Amino acid sequence: MLEAVMESILHITTLHYLVLGAALFLLGVIGVLTRRNVVIVLMSIELILNAVNLNLVAFSRMWGGLHGQVFAIFVITDAAAEAAVGLGILIAFFRNKETVNIDEVNLLKW
């Protein structure tokens, strides 16, 4: 009896995953738009990509295919490459300017 009640209470649907993905996406967008630290902006971009991955896997599970999961693996690979390149650029910028503030990033301007 208790197991049936717990199963009905804890039944997670695709809508739950989509709401969680939307909340993560919103937090990432807010982080990108409001923060001035490059490290926090990179973390917010990673949060956005993870929200997209959550939605891809949720839809893949709902429709019964593997396309969303395979695409999520490609997004994870792209996120890892983006983090590596972004942190490399950030380290080079910090060595030159001794700051990680976005407002002072004019090194790449012509």
PDB file of N, CA and C in Angstrom:
ATOM      1  N   MET A   1       0.820  -1.193   0.000  1.00  0.00           N
ATOM      2  CA  MET A   1       0.000   0.000   0.000  1.00  0.00           C
ATOM      3  C   MET A   1       0.870   1.265   0.000  1.00  0.00           C
ATOM      4  N   LEU A   2       1.857   1.278   0.897  1.00  0.00           N
ATOM      5  CA  LEU A   2       2.734   2.435   0.982  1.00  0.00           C
ATOM      6  C   LEU A   2       3.537   2.620  -0.297  1.00  0.00           C
ATOM      7  N   GLU A   3       3.960   1.523  -0.914  1.00  0.00           N
ATOM      8  CA  GLU A   3       4.721   1.605  -2.154  1.00  0.00           C
ATOM      9  C   GLU A   3       3.887   2.199  -3.281  1.00  0.00           C
ATOM     10  N   ALA A   4       2.607   1.841  -3.341  1.00  0.00           N
ATOM     11  CA  ALA A   4       1.730   2.384  -4.376  1.00  0.00           C
ATOM     12  C   ALA A   4       1.527   3.885  -4.186  1.00  0.00           C
ATOM     13  N   VAL A   5       1.397   4.309  -2.942  1.00  0.00           N
ATOM     14  CA  VAL A   5       1.223   5.739  -2.658  1.00  0.00           C
ATOM     15  C   VAL A   5       2.492   6.499  -3.013  1.00  0.00           C
ATOM     16  N   MET A   6       3.641   5.967  -2.628  1.00  0.00           N
ATOM     17  CA  MET A   6       4.899   6.628  -2.935  1.00  0.00           C
ATOM     18  C   MET A   6       5.150   6.673  -4.439  1.00  0.00           C
ATOM     19  N   GLU A   7       4.761   5.608  -5.137  1.00  0.00           N
ATOM     20  CA  GLU A   7       4.946   5.600  -6.591  1.00  0.00           C
ATOM     21  C   GLU A   7       4.065   6.633  -7.262  1.00  0.00           C
ATOM     22  N   SER A   8       2.850   6.816  -6.778  1.00  0.00           N
ATOM     23  CA  SER A   8       1.964   7.811  -7.381  1.00  0.00           C
ATOM     24  C   SER A   8       2.414   9.229  -7.043  1.00  0.00           C
ATOM     25  N   ILE A   9       3.015   9.405  -5.874  1.00  0.00           N
ATOM     26  CA  ILE A   9       3.500  10.733  -5.490  1.00  0.00           C
ATOM     27  C   ILE A   9       4.768  11.076  -6.270  1.00  0.00           C
ATOM     28  N   LEU A  10       5.642  10.105  -6.437  1.00  0.00           N
ATOM     29  CA  LEU A  10       6.937  10.359  -7.053  1.00  0.00           C
ATOM     30  C   LEU A  10       6.959  10.093  -8.553  1.00  0.00           C
ATOM     31  N   HIS A  11       5.809  10.016  -9.179  1.00  0.00           N
ATOM     32  CA  HIS A  11       5.766   9.782 -10.617  1.00  0.00           C
ATOM     33  C   HIS A  11       6.221  11.043 -11.349  1.00  0.00           C
ATOM     34  N   ILE A  12       7.359  10.947 -11.989  1.00  0.00           N
ATOM     35  CA  ILE A  12       7.943  12.096 -12.677  1.00  0.00           C
ATOM     36  C   ILE A  12       7.622  11.984 -14.156  1.00  0.00           C
ATOM     37  N   THR A  13       7.013  13.015 -14.694  1.00  0.00           N
ATOM     38  CA  THR A  13       6.632  13.022 -16.106  1.00  0.00           C
ATOM     39  C   THR A  13       7.601  13.885 -16.897  1.00  0.00           C
ATOM     40  N   THR A  14       7.383  13.915 -18.188  1.00  0.00           N
ATOM     41  CA  THR A  14       8.214  14.748 -19.059  1.00  0.00           C
ATOM     42  C   THR A  14       8.060  16.218 -18.719  1.00  0.00           C
ATOM     43  N   LEU A  15       6.880  16.608 -18.279  1.00  0.00           N
ATOM     44  CA  LEU A  15       6.656  18.004 -17.915  1.00  0.00           C
ATOM     45  C   LEU A  15       7.573  18.436 -16.773  1.00  0.00           C
ATOM     46  N   HIS A  16       7.815  17.553 -15.820  1.00  0.00           N
ATOM     47  CA  HIS A  16       8.722  17.890 -14.728  1.00  0.00           C
ATOM     48  C   HIS A  16      10.128  18.180 -15.254  1.00  0.00           C
ATOM     49  N   TYR A  17      10.582  17.353 -16.172  1.00  0.00           N
ATOM     50  CA  TYR A  17      11.912  17.568 -16.755  1.00  0.00           C
ATOM     51  C   TYR A  17      11.964  18.876 -17.541  1.00  0.00           C
ATOM     52  N   LEU A  18      10.897  19.172 -18.272  1.00  0.00           N
ATOM     53  CA  LEU A  18      10.876  20.397 -19.070  1.00  0.00           C
ATOM     54  C   LEU A  18      10.846  21.638 -18.188  1.00  0.00           C
ATOM     55  N   VAL A  19      10.107  21.579 -17.085  1.00  0.00           N
ATOM     56  CA  VAL A  19      10.073  22.724 -16.161  1.00  0.00           C
ATOM     57  C   VAL A  19      11.442  22.919 -15.520  1.00  0.00           C
ATOM     58  N   LEU A  20      12.082  21.824 -15.115  1.00  0.00           N
ATOM     59  CA  LEU A  20      13.430  21.931 -14.552  1.00  0.00           C
ATOM     60  C   LEU A  20      14.413  22.476 -15.585  1.00  0.00           C
ATOM     61  N   GLY A  21      14.322  22.008 -16.828  1.00  0.00           N
ATOM     62  CA  GLY A  21      15.187  22.522 -17.893  1.00  0.00           C
ATOM     63  C   GLY A  21      14.957  23.999 -18.152  1.00  0.00           C
ATOM     64  N   ALA A  22      13.684  24.422 -18.124  1.00  0.00           N
ATOM     65  CA  ALA A  22      13.380  25.845 -18.331  1.00  0.00           C
ATOM     66  C   ALA A  22      13.932  26.692 -17.189  1.00  0.00           C
ATOM     67  N   ALA A  23      13.841  26.187 -15.961  1.00  0.00           N
ATOM     68  CA  ALA A  23      14.379  26.928 -14.812  1.00  0.00           C
ATOM     69  C   ALA A  23      15.898  27.042 -14.906  1.00  0.00           C
ATOM     70  N   LEU A  24      16.573  25.958 -15.280  1.00  0.00           N
ATOM     71  CA  LEU A  24      18.028  26.005 -15.436  1.00  0.00           C
ATOM     72  C   LEU A  24      18.423  26.958 -16.560  1.00  0.00           C
ATOM     73  N   PHE A  25      17.675  26.916 -17.659  1.00  0.00           N
ATOM     74  CA  PHE A  25      17.948  27.809 -18.781  1.00  0.00           C
ATOM     75  C   PHE A  25      17.783  29.270 -18.361  1.00  0.00           C
ATOM     76  N   LEU A  26      16.715  29.549 -17.610  1.00  0.00           N
ATOM     77  CA  LEU A  26      16.473  30.915 -17.147  1.00  0.00           C
ATOM     78  C   LEU A  26      17.577  31.387 -16.210  1.00  0.00           C
ATOM     79  N   LEU A  27      18.015  30.526 -15.294  1.00  0.00           N
ATOM     80  CA  LEU A  27      19.122  30.894 -14.406  1.00  0.00           C
ATOM     81  C   LEU A  27      20.405  31.165 -15.194  1.00  0.00           C
ATOM     82  N   GLY A  28      20.655  30.368 -16.228  1.00  0.00           N
ATOM     83  CA  GLY A  28      21.835  30.583 -17.056  1.00  0.00           C
ATOM     84  C   GLY A  28      21.774  31.893 -17.813  1.00  0.00           C
ATOM     85  N   VAL A  29      20.618  32.205 -18.375  1.00  0.00           N
ATOM     86  CA  VAL A  29      20.467  33.469 -19.115  1.00  0.00           C
ATOM     87  C   VAL A  29      20.619  34.661 -18.181  1.00  0.00           C
ATOM     88  N   ILE A  30      20.043  34.562 -16.997  1.00  0.00           N
ATOM     89  CA  ILE A  30      20.189  35.652 -16.022  1.00  0.00           C
ATOM     90  C   ILE A  30      21.655  35.818 -15.638  1.00  0.00           C
ATOM     91  N   GLY A  31      22.370  34.711 -15.471  1.00  0.00           N
ATOM     92  CA  GLY A  31      23.788  34.783 -15.141  1.00  0.00           C
ATOM     93  C   GLY A  31      24.613  35.412 -16.242  1.00  0.00           C
ATOM     94  N   VAL A  32      24.289  35.095 -17.489  1.00  0.00           N
ATOM     95  CA  VAL A  32      25.035  35.682 -18.615  1.00  0.00           C
ATOM     96  C   VAL A  32      24.760  37.175 -18.725  1.00  0.00           C
ATOM     97  N   LEU A  33      23.514  37.577 -18.511  1.00  0.00           N
ATOM     98  CA  LEU A  33      23.153  38.981 -18.724  1.00  0.00           C
ATOM     99  C   LEU A  33      23.528  39.892 -17.560  1.00  0.00           C
ATOM    100  N   THR A  34      23.624  39.365 -16.349  1.00  0.00           N
ATOM    101  CA  THR A  34      23.823  40.254 -15.203  1.00  0.00           C
ATOM    102  C   THR A  34      25.225  40.237 -14.629  1.00  0.00           C
ATOM    103  N   ARG A  35      25.987  39.210 -14.852  1.00  0.00           N
ATOM    104  CA  ARG A  35      27.298  39.108 -14.213  1.00  0.00           C
ATOM    105  C   ARG A  35      28.377  39.748 -15.069  1.00  0.00           C
ATOM    106  N   ARG A  36      29.429  40.214 -14.413  1.00  0.00           N
ATOM    107  CA  ARG A  36      30.537  40.851 -15.110  1.00  0.00           C
ATOM    108  C   ARG A  36      31.815  40.030 -15.032  1.00  0.00           C
ATOM    109  N   ASN A  37      31.805  38.941 -14.295  1.00  0.00           N
ATOM    110  CA  ASN A  37      32.970  38.079 -14.178  1.00  0.00           C
ATOM    111  C   ASN A  37      32.925  37.038 -15.292  1.00  0.00           C
ATOM    112  N   VAL A  38      34.020  36.896 -16.028  1.00  0.00           N
ATOM    113  CA  VAL A  38      34.042  35.994 -17.174  1.00  0.00           C
ATOM    114  C   VAL A  38      33.856  34.544 -16.737  1.00  0.00           C
ATOM    115  N   VAL A  39      34.386  34.179 -15.585  1.00  0.00           N
ATOM    116  CA  VAL A  39      34.249  32.805 -15.104  1.00  0.00           C
ATOM    117  C   VAL A  39      32.776  32.479 -14.834  1.00  0.00           C
ATOM    118  N   ILE A  40      32.052  33.411 -14.232  1.00  0.00           N
ATOM    119  CA  ILE A  40      30.629  33.192 -13.946  1.00  0.00           C
ATOM    120  C   ILE A  40      29.837  33.143 -15.251  1.00  0.00           C
ATOM    121  N   VAL A  41      30.209  33.944 -16.220  1.00  0.00           N
ATOM    122  CA  VAL A  41      29.532  33.908 -17.516  1.00  0.00           C
ATOM    123  C   VAL A  41      29.756  32.559 -18.194  1.00  0.00           C
ATOM    124  N   LEU A  42      30.972  32.034 -18.136  1.00  0.00           N
ATOM    125  CA  LEU A  42      31.237  30.709 -18.709  1.00  0.00           C
ATOM    126  C   LEU A  42      30.450  29.622 -17.984  1.00  0.00           C
ATOM    127  N   MET A  43      30.339  29.730 -16.666  1.00  0.00           N
ATOM    128  CA  MET A  43      29.543  28.763 -15.913  1.00  0.00           C
ATOM    129  C   MET A  43      28.066  28.862 -16.272  1.00  0.00           C
ATOM    130  N   SER A  44      27.590  30.066 -16.526  1.00  0.00           N
ATOM    131  CA  SER A  44      26.193  30.257 -16.913  1.00  0.00           C
ATOM    132  C   SER A  44      25.932  29.672 -18.297  1.00  0.00           C
ATOM    133  N   ILE A  45      26.892  29.792 -19.196  1.00  0.00           N
ATOM    134  CA  ILE A  45      26.741  29.179 -20.520  1.00  0.00           C
ATOM    135  C   ILE A  45      26.693  27.663 -20.389  1.00  0.00           C
ATOM    136  N   GLU A  46      27.501  27.094 -19.512  1.00  0.00           N
ATOM    137  CA  GLU A  46      27.461  25.657 -19.271  1.00  0.00           C
ATOM    138  C   GLU A  46      26.108  25.250 -18.695  1.00  0.00           C
ATOM    139  N   LEU A  47      25.542  26.084 -17.836  1.00  0.00           N
ATOM    140  CA  LEU A  47      24.223  25.804 -17.268  1.00  0.00           C
ATOM    141  C   LEU A  47      23.155  25.808 -18.356  1.00  0.00           C
ATOM    142  N   ILE A  48      23.255  26.726 -19.293  1.00  0.00           N
ATOM    143  CA  ILE A  48      22.319  26.769 -20.417  1.00  0.00           C
ATOM    144  C   ILE A  48      22.433  25.504 -21.257  1.00  0.00           C
ATOM    145  N   LEU A  49      23.667  25.086 -21.539  1.00  0.00           N
ATOM    146  CA  LEU A  49      23.860  23.877 -22.341  1.00  0.00           C
ATOM    147  C   LEU A  49      23.343  22.635 -21.614  1.00  0.00           C
ATOM    148  N   ASN A  50      23.508  22.577 -20.300  1.00  0.00           N
ATOM    149  CA  ASN A  50      22.985  21.448 -19.543  1.00  0.00           C
ATOM    150  C   ASN A  50      21.459  21.444 -19.512  1.00  0.00           C
ATOM    151  N   ALA A  51      20.844  22.614 -19.498  1.00  0.00           N
ATOM    152  CA  ALA A  51      19.385  22.687 -19.568  1.00  0.00           C
ATOM    153  C   ALA A  51      18.890  22.162 -20.916  1.00  0.00           C
ATOM    154  N   VAL A  52      19.591  22.512 -21.976  1.00  0.00           N
ATOM    155  CA  VAL A  52      19.234  22.005 -23.297  1.00  0.00           C
ATOM    156  C   VAL A  52      19.395  20.487 -23.350  1.00  0.00           C
ATOM    157  N   ASN A  53      20.474  19.977 -22.753  1.00  0.00           N
ATOM    158  CA  ASN A  53      20.681  18.529 -22.719  1.00  0.00           C
ATOM    159  C   ASN A  53      19.561  17.825 -21.959  1.00  0.00           C
ATOM    160  N   LEU A  54      19.122  18.407 -20.861  1.00  0.00           N
ATOM    161  CA  LEU A  54      18.034  17.812 -20.089  1.00  0.00           C
ATOM    162  C   LEU A  54      16.760  17.739 -20.918  1.00  0.00           C
ATOM    163  N   ASN A  55      16.473  18.784 -21.667  1.00  0.00           N
ATOM    164  CA  ASN A  55      15.292  18.770 -22.529  1.00  0.00           C
ATOM    165  C   ASN A  55      15.439  17.766 -23.672  1.00  0.00           C
ATOM    166  N   LEU A  56      16.627  17.666 -24.237  1.00  0.00           N
ATOM    167  CA  LEU A  56      16.845  16.694 -25.311  1.00  0.00           C
ATOM    168  C   LEU A  56      16.625  15.267 -24.821  1.00  0.00           C
ATOM    169  N   VAL A  57      17.156  14.951 -23.659  1.00  0.00           N
ATOM    170  CA  VAL A  57      17.002  13.599 -23.122  1.00  0.00           C
ATOM    171  C   VAL A  57      15.557  13.346 -22.707  1.00  0.00           C
ATOM    172  N   ALA A  58      14.872  14.353 -22.177  1.00  0.00           N
ATOM    173  CA  ALA A  58      13.471  14.186 -21.794  1.00  0.00           C
ATOM    174  C   ALA A  58      12.599  13.892 -23.022  1.00  0.00           C
ATOM    175  N   PHE A  59      12.801  14.637 -24.091  1.00  0.00           N
ATOM    176  CA  PHE A  59      12.025  14.382 -25.306  1.00  0.00           C
ATOM    177  C   PHE A  59      12.400  13.046 -25.935  1.00  0.00           C
ATOM    178  N   SER A  60      13.672  12.684 -25.850  1.00  0.00           N
ATOM    179  CA  SER A  60      14.103  11.403 -26.374  1.00  0.00           C
ATOM    180  C   SER A  60      13.431  10.261 -25.615  1.00  0.00           C
ATOM    181  N   ARG A  61      13.334  10.405 -24.306  1.00  0.00           N
ATOM    182  CA  ARG A  61      12.665   9.385 -23.492  1.00  0.00           C
ATOM    183  C   ARG A  61      11.168   9.346 -23.797  1.00  0.00           C
ATOM    184  N   MET A  62      10.571  10.512 -24.014  1.00  0.00           N
ATOM    185  CA  MET A  62       9.135  10.569 -24.272  1.00  0.00           C
ATOM    186  C   MET A  62       8.784   9.914 -25.606  1.00  0.00           C
ATOM    187  N   TRP A  63       9.601  10.150 -26.627  1.00  0.00           N
ATOM    188  CA  TRP A  63       9.302   9.612 -27.949  1.00  0.00           C
ATOM    189  C   TRP A  63       9.899   8.233 -28.183  1.00  0.00           C
ATOM    190  N   GLY A  64      10.740   7.764 -27.264  1.00  0.00           N
ATOM    191  CA  GLY A  64      11.263   6.414 -27.362  1.00  0.00           C
ATOM    192  C   GLY A  64      12.436   6.234 -28.307  1.00  0.00           C
ATOM    193  N   GLY A  65      13.031   7.296 -28.780  1.00  0.00           N
ATOM    194  CA  GLY A  65      14.181   7.191 -29.680  1.00  0.00           C
ATOM    195  C   GLY A  65      15.467   7.549 -28.962  1.00  0.00           C
ATOM    196  N   LEU A  66      16.551   7.387 -29.674  1.00  0.00           N
ATOM    197  CA  LEU A  66      17.852   7.712 -29.113  1.00  0.00           C
ATOM    198  C   LEU A  66      18.457   8.973 -29.719  1.00  0.00           C
ATOM    199  N   HIS A  67      17.746   9.628 -30.624  1.00  0.00           N
ATOM    200  CA  HIS A  67      18.311  10.789 -31.317  1.00  0.00           C
ATOM    201  C   HIS A  67      18.647  11.925 -30.354  1.00  0.00           C
ATOM    202  N   GLY A  68      17.777  12.196 -29.409  1.00  0.00           N
ATOM    203  CA  GLY A  68      18.029  13.270 -28.455  1.00  0.00           C
ATOM    204  C   GLY A  68      19.213  12.977 -27.563  1.00  0.00           C
ATOM    205  N   GLN A  69      19.371  11.713 -27.165  1.00  0.00           N
ATOM    206  CA  GLN A  69      20.484  11.347 -26.301  1.00  0.00           C
ATOM    207  C   GLN A  69      21.810  11.436 -27.048  1.00  0.00           C
ATOM    208  N   VAL A  70      21.809  11.021 -28.302  1.00  0.00           N
ATOM    209  CA  VAL A  70      23.032  11.127 -29.112  1.00  0.00           C
ATOM    210  C   VAL A  70      23.390  12.587 -29.332  1.00  0.00           C
ATOM    211  N   PHE A  71      22.390  13.402 -29.616  1.00  0.00           N
ATOM    212  CA  PHE A  71      22.646  14.827 -29.810  1.00  0.00           C
ATOM    213  C   PHE A  71      23.136  15.463 -28.517  1.00  0.00           C
ATOM    214  N   ALA A  72      22.628  15.007 -27.366  1.00  0.00           N
ATOM    215  CA  ALA A  72      23.084  15.531 -26.076  1.00  0.00           C
ATOM    216  C   ALA A  72      24.564  15.206 -25.852  1.00  0.00           C
ATOM    217  N   ILE A  73      25.001  14.042 -26.297  1.00  0.00           N
ATOM    218  CA  ILE A  73      26.420  13.694 -26.168  1.00  0.00           C
ATOM    219  C   ILE A  73      27.273  14.647 -27.002  1.00  0.00           C
ATOM    220  N   PHE A  74      26.796  15.001 -28.191  1.00  0.00           N
ATOM    221  CA  PHE A  74      27.530  15.977 -29.006  1.00  0.00           C
ATOM    222  C   PHE A  74      27.554  17.350 -28.337  1.00  0.00           C
ATOM    223  N   VAL A  75      26.465  17.733 -27.691  1.00  0.00           N
ATOM    224  CA  VAL A  75      26.432  19.021 -26.988  1.00  0.00           C
ATOM    225  C   VAL A  75      27.391  18.994 -25.806  1.00  0.00           C
ATOM    226  N   ILE A  76      27.480  17.871 -25.095  1.00  0.00           N
ATOM    227  CA  ILE A  76      28.424  17.747 -23.984  1.00  0.00           C
ATOM    228  C   ILE A  76      29.853  17.877 -24.490  1.00  0.00           C
ATOM    229  N   THR A  77      30.144  17.250 -25.627  1.00  0.00           N
ATOM    230  CA  THR A  77      31.478  17.351 -26.217  1.00  0.00           C
ATOM    231  C   THR A  77      31.794  18.789 -26.599  1.00  0.00           C
ATOM    232  N   ASP A  78      30.821  19.465 -27.198  1.00  0.00           N
ATOM    233  CA  ASP A  78      31.003  20.861 -27.576  1.00  0.00           C
ATOM    234  C   ASP A  78      31.197  21.735 -26.334  1.00  0.00           C
ATOM    235  N   ALA A  79      30.474  21.450 -25.263  1.00  0.00           N
ATOM    236  CA  ALA A  79      30.600  22.229 -24.031  1.00  0.00           C
ATOM    237  C   ALA A  79      31.983  22.044 -23.416  1.00  0.00           C
ATOM    238  N   ALA A  80      32.509  20.826 -23.487  1.00  0.00           N
ATOM    239  CA  ALA A  80      33.854  20.586 -22.949  1.00  0.00           C
ATOM    240  C   ALA A  80      34.905  21.351 -23.756  1.00  0.00           C
ATOM    241  N   ALA A  81      34.763  21.340 -25.076  1.00  0.00           N
ATOM    242  CA  ALA A  81      35.704  22.082 -25.923  1.00  0.00           C
ATOM    243  C   ALA A  81      35.580  23.588 -25.671  1.00  0.00           C
ATOM    244  N   GLU A  82      34.361  24.061 -25.529  1.00  0.00           N
ATOM    245  CA  GLU A  82      34.133  25.482 -25.264  1.00  0.00           C
ATOM    246  C   GLU A  82      34.744  25.887 -23.928  1.00  0.00           C
ATOM    247  N   ALA A  83      34.612  25.041 -22.921  1.00  0.00           N
ATOM    248  CA  ALA A  83      35.184  25.354 -21.609  1.00  0.00           C
ATOM    249  C   ALA A  83      36.708  25.379 -21.676  1.00  0.00           C
ATOM    250  N   ALA A  84      37.295  24.444 -22.386  1.00  0.00           N
ATOM    251  CA  ALA A  84      38.757  24.401 -22.491  1.00  0.00           C
ATOM    252  C   ALA A  84      39.294  25.622 -23.223  1.00  0.00           C
ATOM    253  N   VAL A  85      38.687  25.960 -24.351  1.00  0.00           N
ATOM    254  CA  VAL A  85      39.140  27.128 -25.119  1.00  0.00           C
ATOM    255  C   VAL A  85      38.855  28.415 -24.350  1.00  0.00           C
ATOM    256  N   GLY A  86      37.682  28.504 -23.739  1.00  0.00           N
ATOM    257  CA  GLY A  86      37.330  29.705 -22.980  1.00  0.00           C
ATOM    258  C   GLY A  86      38.246  29.933 -21.800  1.00  0.00           C
ATOM    259  N   LEU A  87      38.574  28.875 -21.070  1.00  0.00           N
ATOM    260  CA  LEU A  87      39.485  29.040 -19.944  1.00  0.00           C
ATOM    261  C   LEU A  87      40.902  29.362 -20.406  1.00  0.00           C
ATOM    262  N   GLY A  88      41.309  28.820 -21.550  1.00  0.00           N
ATOM    263  CA  GLY A  88      42.623  29.172 -22.101  1.00  0.00           C
ATOM    264  C   GLY A  88      42.699  30.640 -22.463  1.00  0.00           C
ATOM    265  N   ILE A  89      41.662  31.143 -23.103  1.00  0.00           N
ATOM    266  CA  ILE A  89      41.624  32.570 -23.452  1.00  0.00           C
ATOM    267  C   ILE A  89      41.572  33.413 -22.186  1.00  0.00           C
ATOM    268  N   LEU A  90      40.819  32.951 -21.193  1.00  0.00           N
ATOM    269  CA  LEU A  90      40.701  33.687 -19.934  1.00  0.00           C
ATOM    270  C   LEU A  90      42.044  33.764 -19.212  1.00  0.00           C
ATOM    271  N   ILE A  91      42.793  32.681 -19.193  1.00  0.00           N
ATOM    272  CA  ILE A  91      44.109  32.687 -18.541  1.00  0.00           C
ATOM    273  C   ILE A  91      45.059  33.634 -19.269  1.00  0.00           C
ATOM    274  N   ALA A  92      45.041  33.603 -20.606  1.00  0.00           N
ATOM    275  CA  ALA A  92      45.895  34.513 -21.372  1.00  0.00           C
ATOM    276  C   ALA A  92      45.498  35.967 -21.133  1.00  0.00           C
ATOM    277  N   PHE A  93      44.209  36.229 -21.055  1.00  0.00           N
ATOM    278  CA  PHE A  93      43.745  37.590 -20.804  1.00  0.00           C
ATOM    279  C   PHE A  93      44.126  38.045 -19.398  1.00  0.00           C
ATOM    280  N   PHE A  94      43.995  37.146 -18.424  1.00  0.00           N
ATOM    281  CA  PHE A  94      44.343  37.510 -17.046  1.00  0.00           C
ATOM    282  C   PHE A  94      45.830  37.794 -16.903  1.00  0.00           C
ATOM    283  N   ARG A  95      46.654  37.087 -17.641  1.00  0.00           N
ATOM    284  CA  ARG A  95      48.097  37.339 -17.583  1.00  0.00           C
ATOM    285  C   ARG A  95      48.451  38.708 -18.161  1.00  0.00           C
ATOM    286  N   ASN A  96      47.699  39.152 -19.164  1.00  0.00           N
ATOM    287  CA  ASN A  96      47.985  40.451 -19.781  1.00  0.00           C
ATOM    288  C   ASN A  96      47.381  41.616 -19.014  1.00  0.00           C
ATOM    289  N   LYS A  97      46.126  41.491 -18.611  1.00  0.00           N
ATOM    290  CA  LYS A  97      45.397  42.613 -18.009  1.00  0.00           C
ATOM    291  C   LYS A  97      45.210  42.505 -16.502  1.00  0.00           C
ATOM    292  N   GLU A  98      45.448  41.313 -15.919  1.00  0.00           N
ATOM    293  CA  GLU A  98      45.281  41.055 -14.493  1.00  0.00           C
ATOM    294  C   GLU A  98      43.871  41.344 -14.003  1.00  0.00           C
ATOM    295  N   THR A  99      42.890  41.030 -14.815  1.00  0.00           N
ATOM    296  CA  THR A  99      41.492  41.158 -14.431  1.00  0.00           C
ATOM    297  C   THR A  99      40.671  40.146 -15.220  1.00  0.00           C
ATOM    298  N   VAL A 100      39.510  39.797 -14.674  1.00  0.00           N
ATOM    299  CA  VAL A 100      38.585  38.917 -15.390  1.00  0.00           C
ATOM    300  C   VAL A 100      37.234  39.606 -15.556  1.00  0.00           C
ATOM    301  N   ASN A 101      37.240  40.918 -15.528  1.00  0.00           N
ATOM    302  CA  ASN A 101      36.026  41.698 -15.671  1.00  0.00           C
ATOM    303  C   ASN A 101      35.686  41.850 -17.153  1.00  0.00           C
ATOM    304  N   ILE A 102      34.432  41.592 -17.500  1.00  0.00           N
ATOM    305  CA  ILE A 102      34.013  41.663 -18.906  1.00  0.00           C
ATOM    306  C   ILE A 102      34.100  43.086 -19.441  1.00  0.00           C
ATOM    307  N   ASP A 103      33.849  44.067 -18.599  1.00  0.00           N
ATOM    308  CA  ASP A 103      33.869  45.460 -19.058  1.00  0.00           C
ATOM    309  C   ASP A 103      35.246  45.895 -19.535  1.00  0.00           C
ATOM    310  N   GLU A 104      36.276  45.234 -19.063  1.00  0.00           N
ATOM    311  CA  GLU A 104      37.632  45.620 -19.434  1.00  0.00           C
ATOM    312  C   GLU A 104      38.213  44.747 -20.542  1.00  0.00           C
ATOM    313  N   VAL A 105      37.376  43.953 -21.168  1.00  0.00           N
ATOM    314  CA  VAL A 105      37.838  43.094 -22.253  1.00  0.00           C
ATOM    315  C   VAL A 105      37.777  43.891 -23.546  1.00  0.00           C
ATOM    316  N   ASN A 106      38.858  44.542 -23.885  1.00  0.00           N
ATOM    317  CA  ASN A 106      38.951  45.227 -25.168  1.00  0.00           C
ATOM    318  C   ASN A 106      40.208  44.785 -25.901  1.00  0.00           C
ATOM    319  N   LEU A 107      40.810  43.713 -25.418  1.00  0.00           N
ATOM    320  CA  LEU A 107      42.052  43.186 -26.011  1.00  0.00           C
ATOM    321  C   LEU A 107      41.810  42.675 -27.422  1.00  0.00           C
ATOM    322  N   LEU A 108      40.614  42.143 -27.688  1.00  0.00           N
ATOM    323  CA  LEU A 108      40.351  41.555 -28.991  1.00  0.00           C
ATOM    324  C   LEU A 108      39.761  42.556 -29.991  1.00  0.00           C
ATOM    325  N   LYS A 109      39.580  43.801 -29.558  1.00  0.00           N
ATOM    326  CA  LYS A 109      39.075  44.816 -30.481  1.00  0.00           C
ATOM    327  C   LYS A 109      40.171  45.263 -31.442  1.00  0.00           C
ATOM    328  N   TRP A 110      39.792  45.704 -32.600  1.00  0.00           N
ATOM    329  CA  TRP A 110      40.739  46.167 -33.584  1.00  0.00           C
ATOM    330  C   TRP A 110      41.257  47.473 -33.189  1.00  0.00           C
TER     331      TRP A 110
END
